[in-house]
């Protein structure tokens, strides 16, 4: 159910209070800073609310591969086991899932060969064991991003203002300092009004996860595009809001009550893994990944469920079919020996 207008105004007022507390003033702030509060603030953040967000029911906002965990989890386990070198090798690796929903973990109740299984929620401190399989599902697309627009022959960063009324877009006087590493990669020209959503904080998060100190398999399922596609094929940007299974381009509406996301930049994430010493880095469609690395698990499921209309077969189709999740989502993985 959508929040009432009164509830929406109350949510916006609370979020503005949190922005003032964080910045010590009346802004404006970059969209990344706004998104960080709108999603992750302990008091008003979307992900801090104690309610169901993920699933196919009417009270949820979106669904992911983990919605089909009964099929997805065994396939992920089988693929990870194969990639680390088989069942014996898997016994020396701990499983670490990063960014799962509260009170949920992919391997809950699932048989697996790993030395142990742990779940690190966003914002929690947690080390990664010396040998590990580090897994995430739609973690990086939920990280705050910066929004730029080409105007008057230059890239301008869009921020969020609230001094004189409701939340509103405004142009910042300069690009945020944290964008310095990618400023030189921006297109030298573009069409007027072209919007770039830059998922740079996703790269920073990956750098923290992939920091030296552990070796093994990194495996992330997400959706994204190459830098060339982001810079040339999405004139309105890739940022989207989700509420009650409906997509919207109004990123400032219903603060704290809707999910905010954008496509990750695969090139940037792959480069970050290589910088961190991962010798093997691959990206494959979700369909290709499972067909290549979990073929035996798929065959076992089909043999157990010969009826094509069985729930497990239907979930398998949803995960693999190119027109459903099979090509929309991709697996980025890397091995560090």
Protein backbone atom coordinates (compact mmCIF):
# COMPACT_ATOMS: atom_id res chain seq x y z
CA UNK A 1 0.00 0.00 0.00
CA UNK A 2 1.33 3.45 -0.94
CA UNK A 3 1.90 5.85 1.96
CA UNK A 4 -0.76 8.52 2.43
CA UNK A 5 0.09 12.15 1.54
CA UNK A 6 0.30 12.96 5.25
CA UNK A 7 2.64 10.05 5.88
CA UNK A 8 4.76 11.07 2.90
CA UNK A 9 5.09 14.64 4.17
CA UNK A 10 6.02 13.30 7.59
CA UNK A 11 8.63 10.99 6.09
CA UNK A 12 10.13 13.88 4.12
CA UNK A 13 10.28 16.08 7.24
CA UNK A 14 12.04 13.35 9.21
CA UNK A 15 14.51 12.77 6.40
CA UNK A 16 15.28 16.49 6.15
CA UNK A 17 15.94 16.53 9.90
CA UNK A 18 18.42 13.69 9.45
CA UNK A 19 20.08 15.47 6.51
CA UNK A 20 20.44 18.62 8.62
CA UNK A 21 21.90 16.58 11.49
CA UNK A 22 24.40 14.94 9.17
CA UNK A 23 25.48 18.05 7.23
CA UNK A 24 25.07 20.67 9.93
CA UNK A 25 23.18 22.94 7.58
CA UNK A 26 20.49 23.29 4.95
CA UNK A 27 22.32 21.70 2.04
CA UNK A 28 22.24 21.11 -0.80
CA UNK A 29 23.87 17.69 -0.83
CA UNK A 30 24.87 15.34 -3.62
CA UNK A 31 22.28 12.78 -4.60
CA UNK A 32 24.63 10.10 -3.25
CA UNK A 33 24.47 11.72 0.20
CA UNK A 34 20.70 12.00 0.00
CA UNK A 35 20.40 8.37 -1.11
CA UNK A 36 22.65 7.21 1.72
CA UNK A 37 20.24 8.72 4.24
CA UNK A 38 17.07 7.70 2.37
CA UNK A 39 18.19 4.06 2.23
CA UNK A 40 20.50 3.40 5.14
CA UNK A 41 19.93 5.91 7.93
CA UNK A 42 19.17 4.02 11.15
CA UNK A 43 16.09 6.15 11.86
CA UNK A 44 14.50 6.93 8.50
CA UNK A 45 16.27 4.70 5.98
CA UNK A 46 14.33 2.37 3.71
CA UNK A 47 16.54 -0.59 4.61
CA UNK A 48 16.32 0.18 8.33
CA UNK A 49 12.55 -0.32 8.44
CA UNK A 50 11.42 -3.59 9.98
CA UNK A 51 9.21 -4.75 7.16
CA UNK A 52 9.29 -7.15 4.25
CA UNK A 53 10.77 -5.60 1.11
CA UNK A 54 11.72 -8.60 -1.02
CA UNK A 55 9.25 -11.12 -2.38
CA UNK A 56 6.36 -11.57 -4.76
CA UNK A 57 3.59 -10.67 -2.33
CA UNK A 58 1.50 -7.52 -2.39
CA UNK A 59 3.22 -6.07 0.69
CA UNK A 60 6.70 -6.20 -0.87
CA UNK A 61 8.40 -3.85 -3.35
CA UNK A 62 10.51 -6.08 -5.59
CA UNK A 63 11.80 -9.62 -5.86
CA UNK A 64 15.24 -11.06 -6.53
CA UNK A 65 16.79 -14.44 -7.21
CA UNK A 66 16.76 -15.14 -3.47
CA UNK A 67 12.95 -15.12 -3.64
CA UNK A 68 13.46 -18.52 -5.28
CA UNK A 69 16.00 -19.59 -2.69
CA UNK A 70 14.87 -23.22 -2.74
CA UNK A 71 16.32 -23.49 -6.26
CA UNK A 72 18.76 -20.58 -6.34
CA UNK A 73 20.70 -21.61 -3.23
CA UNK A 74 21.59 -25.18 -4.36
CA UNK A 75 22.68 -23.86 -7.76
CA UNK A 76 24.91 -21.22 -6.16
CA UNK A 77 26.41 -23.78 -3.79
CA UNK A 78 27.12 -26.21 -6.62
CA UNK A 79 28.74 -23.51 -8.76
CA UNK A 80 30.84 -22.14 -5.90
CA UNK A 81 32.00 -25.63 -4.96
CA UNK A 82 33.13 -26.25 -8.52
CA UNK A 83 34.91 -22.92 -8.84
CA UNK A 84 36.98 -23.35 -5.67
CA UNK A 85 38.15 -26.77 -6.85
CA UNK A 86 35.58 -29.31 -5.73
CA UNK A 87 34.05 -30.67 -2.54
CA UNK A 88 37.33 -31.27 -0.72
CA UNK A 89 38.62 -27.79 -1.45
CA UNK A 90 35.28 -26.30 -0.40
CA UNK A 91 35.72 -27.79 3.08
CA UNK A 92 38.57 -25.37 3.73
CA UNK A 93 36.56 -22.32 2.66
CA UNK A 94 34.12 -20.41 4.86
CA UNK A 95 30.97 -19.03 3.26
CA UNK A 96 30.36 -15.30 3.86
CA UNK A 97 27.22 -13.63 2.54
CA UNK A 98 27.26 -9.83 2.50
CA UNK A 99 24.19 -7.62 2.53
CA UNK A 100 21.36 -10.10 2.99
CA UNK A 101 17.97 -8.96 4.23
CA UNK A 102 17.48 -9.07 8.04
CA UNK A 103 16.77 -12.53 9.42
CA UNK A 104 17.49 -14.07 6.03
CA UNK A 105 20.55 -15.82 4.69
CA UNK A 106 20.83 -17.77 1.47
CA UNK A 107 22.19 -20.93 3.10
CA UNK A 108 19.66 -21.11 5.95
CA UNK A 109 18.60 -24.76 6.03
CA UNK A 110 20.63 -25.60 2.92
CA UNK A 111 23.17 -28.44 2.90
CA UNK A 112 26.60 -27.20 1.82
CA UNK A 113 30.23 -28.38 1.88
CA UNK A 114 31.80 -25.23 3.33
CA UNK A 115 33.68 -24.93 6.61
CA UNK A 116 31.00 -22.62 7.98
CA UNK A 117 28.46 -20.04 6.90
CA UNK A 118 28.17 -16.45 8.12
CA UNK A 119 26.11 -13.44 7.08
CA UNK A 120 27.33 -9.85 7.34
CA UNK A 121 24.58 -7.24 7.08
CA UNK A 122 25.26 -3.82 5.64
CA UNK A 123 26.75 -1.58 8.29
CA UNK A 124 27.92 -4.48 10.44
CA UNK A 125 31.55 -5.13 11.17
CA UNK A 126 32.73 -8.53 10.17
CA UNK A 127 36.03 -9.93 9.00
CA UNK A 128 36.42 -12.40 6.16
CA UNK A 129 38.29 -15.63 7.05
CA UNK A 130 41.60 -16.40 5.38
CA UNK A 131 39.91 -18.76 2.94
CA UNK A 132 36.42 -17.85 1.89
CA UNK A 133 33.63 -17.77 -0.62
CA UNK A 134 32.28 -14.22 -0.47
CA UNK A 135 28.79 -13.98 -1.95
CA UNK A 136 26.28 -11.21 -2.56
CA UNK A 137 23.03 -10.81 -4.44
CA UNK A 138 21.98 -7.36 -5.65
CA UNK A 139 24.27 -5.67 -3.17
CA UNK A 140 26.11 -3.27 -5.45
CA UNK A 141 23.13 -1.85 -7.36
CA UNK A 142 21.75 -0.57 -4.04
CA UNK A 143 24.78 1.59 -3.23
CA UNK A 144 24.41 5.39 -3.39
CA UNK A 145 25.25 6.92 -6.77
CA UNK A 146 26.00 10.39 -8.09
CA UNK A 147 23.85 11.97 -10.81
CA UNK A 148 25.44 14.17 -13.48
CA UNK A 149 23.81 16.02 -16.39
CA UNK A 150 25.38 17.52 -19.52
CA UNK A 151 24.41 21.17 -19.70
CA UNK A 152 26.00 24.22 -21.36
CA UNK A 153 28.98 22.20 -22.59
CA UNK A 154 29.97 20.62 -19.28
CA UNK A 155 29.02 17.90 -16.83
CA UNK A 156 27.14 19.31 -13.86
CA UNK A 157 26.39 17.36 -10.71
CA UNK A 158 22.80 17.32 -9.53
CA UNK A 159 22.17 17.61 -5.82
CA UNK A 160 19.16 17.71 -3.51
CA UNK A 161 17.95 20.90 -1.85
CA UNK A 162 15.28 21.51 0.79
CA UNK A 163 15.84 25.02 2.19
CA UNK A 164 12.79 26.74 0.68
CA UNK A 165 10.28 23.90 0.47
CA UNK A 166 9.96 20.26 -0.54
CA UNK A 167 12.93 18.22 -1.66
CA UNK A 168 14.03 19.36 -5.10
CA UNK A 169 16.83 18.84 -7.60
CA UNK A 170 19.46 21.55 -7.82
CA UNK A 171 22.77 22.00 -9.59
CA UNK A 172 25.87 21.79 -7.39
CA UNK A 173 28.69 24.29 -7.91
CA UNK A 174 31.27 21.55 -8.62
CA UNK A 175 31.61 17.79 -8.88
CA UNK A 176 31.92 15.94 -5.58
CA UNK A 177 35.50 15.32 -4.56
CA UNK A 178 34.97 11.56 -4.36
CA UNK A 179 34.37 11.52 -8.14
CA UNK A 180 37.95 12.68 -8.83
CA UNK A 181 39.13 9.14 -9.82
CA UNK A 182 36.51 8.93 -12.59
CA UNK A 183 36.30 12.58 -13.69
CA UNK A 184 38.87 11.93 -16.42
CA UNK A 185 36.73 9.13 -17.85
CA UNK A 186 33.64 11.25 -18.42
CA UNK A 187 32.71 11.76 -22.09
CA UNK A 188 34.25 14.94 -23.45
CA UNK A 189 30.87 15.90 -24.90
CA UNK A 190 27.30 14.67 -24.94
CA UNK A 191 23.81 15.68 -25.98
CA UNK A 192 22.16 18.40 -23.94
CA UNK A 193 20.36 16.93 -20.94
CA UNK A 194 22.11 13.54 -21.07
CA UNK A 195 22.08 12.08 -17.55
CA UNK A 196 24.87 9.97 -16.09
CA UNK A 197 24.24 7.96 -12.93
CA UNK A 198 27.68 7.09 -11.57
CA UNK A 199 27.77 4.06 -9.22
CA UNK A 200 31.19 4.91 -7.82
CA UNK A 201 30.38 3.98 -4.22
CA UNK A 202 29.71 0.43 -5.40
CA UNK A 203 33.37 0.34 -6.46
CA UNK A 204 34.48 1.65 -3.07
CA UNK A 205 32.45 -1.04 -1.34
CA UNK A 206 33.98 -3.74 -3.52
CA UNK A 207 37.45 -2.42 -2.73
CA UNK A 208 36.74 -2.87 0.98
CA UNK A 209 35.36 -6.39 0.50
CA UNK A 210 38.24 -7.43 -1.75
CA UNK A 211 40.97 -5.94 0.43
CA UNK A 212 43.99 -8.20 1.06
CA UNK A 213 43.73 -10.69 3.89
CA UNK A 214 41.68 -13.47 2.39
CA UNK A 215 41.78 -15.67 -0.68
CA UNK A 216 39.21 -17.73 -2.46
CA UNK A 217 36.11 -16.94 -4.50
CA UNK A 218 34.27 -13.65 -4.88
CA UNK A 219 30.80 -14.13 -6.39
CA UNK A 220 28.24 -11.37 -6.92
CA UNK A 221 24.92 -11.48 -8.77
CA UNK A 222 23.67 -8.11 -9.94
CA UNK A 223 22.50 -6.12 -12.91
CA UNK A 224 24.51 -3.53 -14.75
CA UNK A 225 25.98 -2.23 -17.98
CA UNK A 226 29.42 -1.45 -19.38
CA UNK A 227 30.78 2.07 -19.06
CA UNK A 228 30.27 2.63 -22.79
CA UNK A 229 26.60 1.67 -22.51
CA UNK A 230 26.03 3.89 -19.47
CA UNK A 231 27.75 6.82 -21.17
CA UNK A 232 26.08 6.46 -24.56
CA UNK A 233 22.84 4.47 -24.40
CA UNK A 234 20.91 5.75 -21.35
CA UNK A 235 20.14 9.46 -21.88
CA UNK A 236 17.79 9.55 -18.86
CA UNK A 237 20.23 7.71 -16.60
CA UNK A 238 19.79 4.26 -15.08
CA UNK A 239 18.55 5.36 -11.64
CA UNK A 240 15.15 3.98 -10.70
CA UNK A 241 12.82 3.79 -7.70
CA UNK A 242 10.74 0.75 -6.77
CA UNK A 243 7.63 0.60 -4.63
CA UNK A 244 4.97 -2.12 -4.57
CA UNK A 245 6.52 -3.73 -7.68
CA UNK A 246 6.18 -0.53 -9.68
CA UNK A 247 9.13 1.27 -11.24
CA UNK A 248 9.42 5.05 -11.17
CA UNK A 249 11.86 7.71 -12.28
CA UNK A 250 10.91 10.04 -9.41
CA UNK A 251 13.87 9.42 -7.13
CA UNK A 252 12.90 12.09 -4.58
CA UNK A 253 9.36 10.87 -3.94
CA UNK A 254 8.38 9.06 -0.74
CA UNK A 255 11.81 9.29 0.92
CA UNK A 256 12.54 6.27 3.08
CA UNK A 257 9.54 4.41 1.68
CA UNK A 258 10.83 3.34 -1.74
CA UNK A 259 13.90 1.52 -2.96
CA UNK A 260 16.49 3.42 -4.99
CA UNK A 261 18.89 1.73 -7.37
CA UNK A 262 20.93 2.09 -10.55
CA UNK A 263 22.86 -0.21 -12.87
CA UNK A 264 26.34 -1.05 -11.70
CA UNK A 265 29.26 -0.37 -14.04
CA UNK A 266 30.71 -3.78 -14.76
CA UNK A 267 34.01 -2.42 -16.11
CA UNK A 268 34.70 -0.57 -12.87
CA UNK A 269 33.93 -3.59 -10.69
CA UNK A 270 36.06 -5.92 -12.81
CA UNK A 271 38.95 -3.47 -12.66
CA UNK A 272 38.62 -3.26 -8.87
CA UNK A 273 38.88 -7.03 -8.54
CA UNK A 274 41.99 -7.14 -10.70
CA UNK A 275 43.59 -4.32 -8.71
CA UNK A 276 42.93 -6.38 -5.58
CA UNK A 277 44.91 -9.31 -6.97
CA UNK A 278 42.19 -11.57 -8.33
CA UNK A 279 43.92 -13.56 -11.06
CA UNK A 280 40.73 -14.87 -12.65
CA UNK A 281 37.88 -12.40 -13.20
CA UNK A 282 34.84 -13.36 -15.24
CA UNK A 283 31.36 -11.99 -15.91
CA UNK A 284 28.62 -14.21 -17.29
CA UNK A 285 24.88 -13.98 -17.68
CA UNK A 286 23.04 -15.72 -14.86
CA UNK A 287 21.87 -18.35 -17.32
CA UNK A 288 25.37 -19.03 -18.67
CA UNK A 289 26.90 -19.07 -15.20
CA UNK A 290 24.60 -21.79 -13.90
CA UNK A 291 24.65 -23.84 -17.10
CA UNK A 292 28.46 -23.81 -17.08
CA UNK A 293 29.12 -24.26 -13.38
CA UNK A 294 26.04 -25.98 -11.93
CA UNK A 295 24.94 -28.26 -14.74
CA UNK A 296 24.78 -31.35 -12.52
CA UNK A 297 22.59 -29.57 -9.97
CA UNK A 298 20.24 -28.44 -12.74
CA UNK A 299 20.04 -31.98 -14.10
CA UNK A 300 19.32 -33.41 -10.64
CA UNK A 301 16.51 -30.91 -10.13
CA UNK A 302 14.94 -31.75 -13.49
CA UNK A 303 15.12 -35.48 -12.74
CA UNK A 304 13.53 -34.99 -9.31
CA UNK A 305 10.79 -32.80 -10.78
CA UNK A 306 9.83 -34.30 -14.16
CA UNK A 307 6.61 -32.26 -14.27
CA UNK A 308 7.45 -28.98 -16.10
CA UNK A 309 4.68 -27.25 -14.11
CA UNK A 310 6.13 -28.18 -10.72
CA UNK A 311 7.01 -25.12 -8.56
CA UNK A 312 10.73 -25.93 -8.56
CA UNK A 313 10.78 -26.24 -12.36
CA UNK A 314 8.91 -22.95 -12.66
CA UNK A 315 11.46 -21.25 -10.40
CA UNK A 316 14.34 -22.75 -12.39
CA UNK A 317 12.81 -21.34 -15.57
CA UNK A 318 12.48 -17.93 -13.94
CA UNK A 319 16.14 -17.95 -12.95
CA UNK A 320 17.49 -19.17 -16.31
CA UNK A 321 15.18 -18.02 -19.09
CA UNK A 322 16.74 -15.17 -21.11
CA UNK A 323 13.45 -13.27 -21.17
CA UNK A 324 13.11 -13.46 -17.37
CA UNK A 325 16.12 -13.31 -15.03
CA UNK A 326 18.57 -15.33 -17.10
CA UNK A 327 20.02 -12.42 -19.05
CA UNK A 328 18.86 -9.46 -17.01
CA UNK A 329 21.15 -10.52 -14.17
CA UNK A 330 24.80 -11.44 -14.39
CA UNK A 331 27.35 -13.17 -12.20
CA UNK A 332 30.65 -11.44 -11.58
CA UNK A 333 33.21 -13.79 -10.07
CA UNK A 334 36.90 -13.86 -9.38
CA UNK A 335 39.46 -16.19 -7.81
CA UNK A 336 42.40 -15.06 -5.70
CA UNK A 337 44.89 -17.81 -5.01
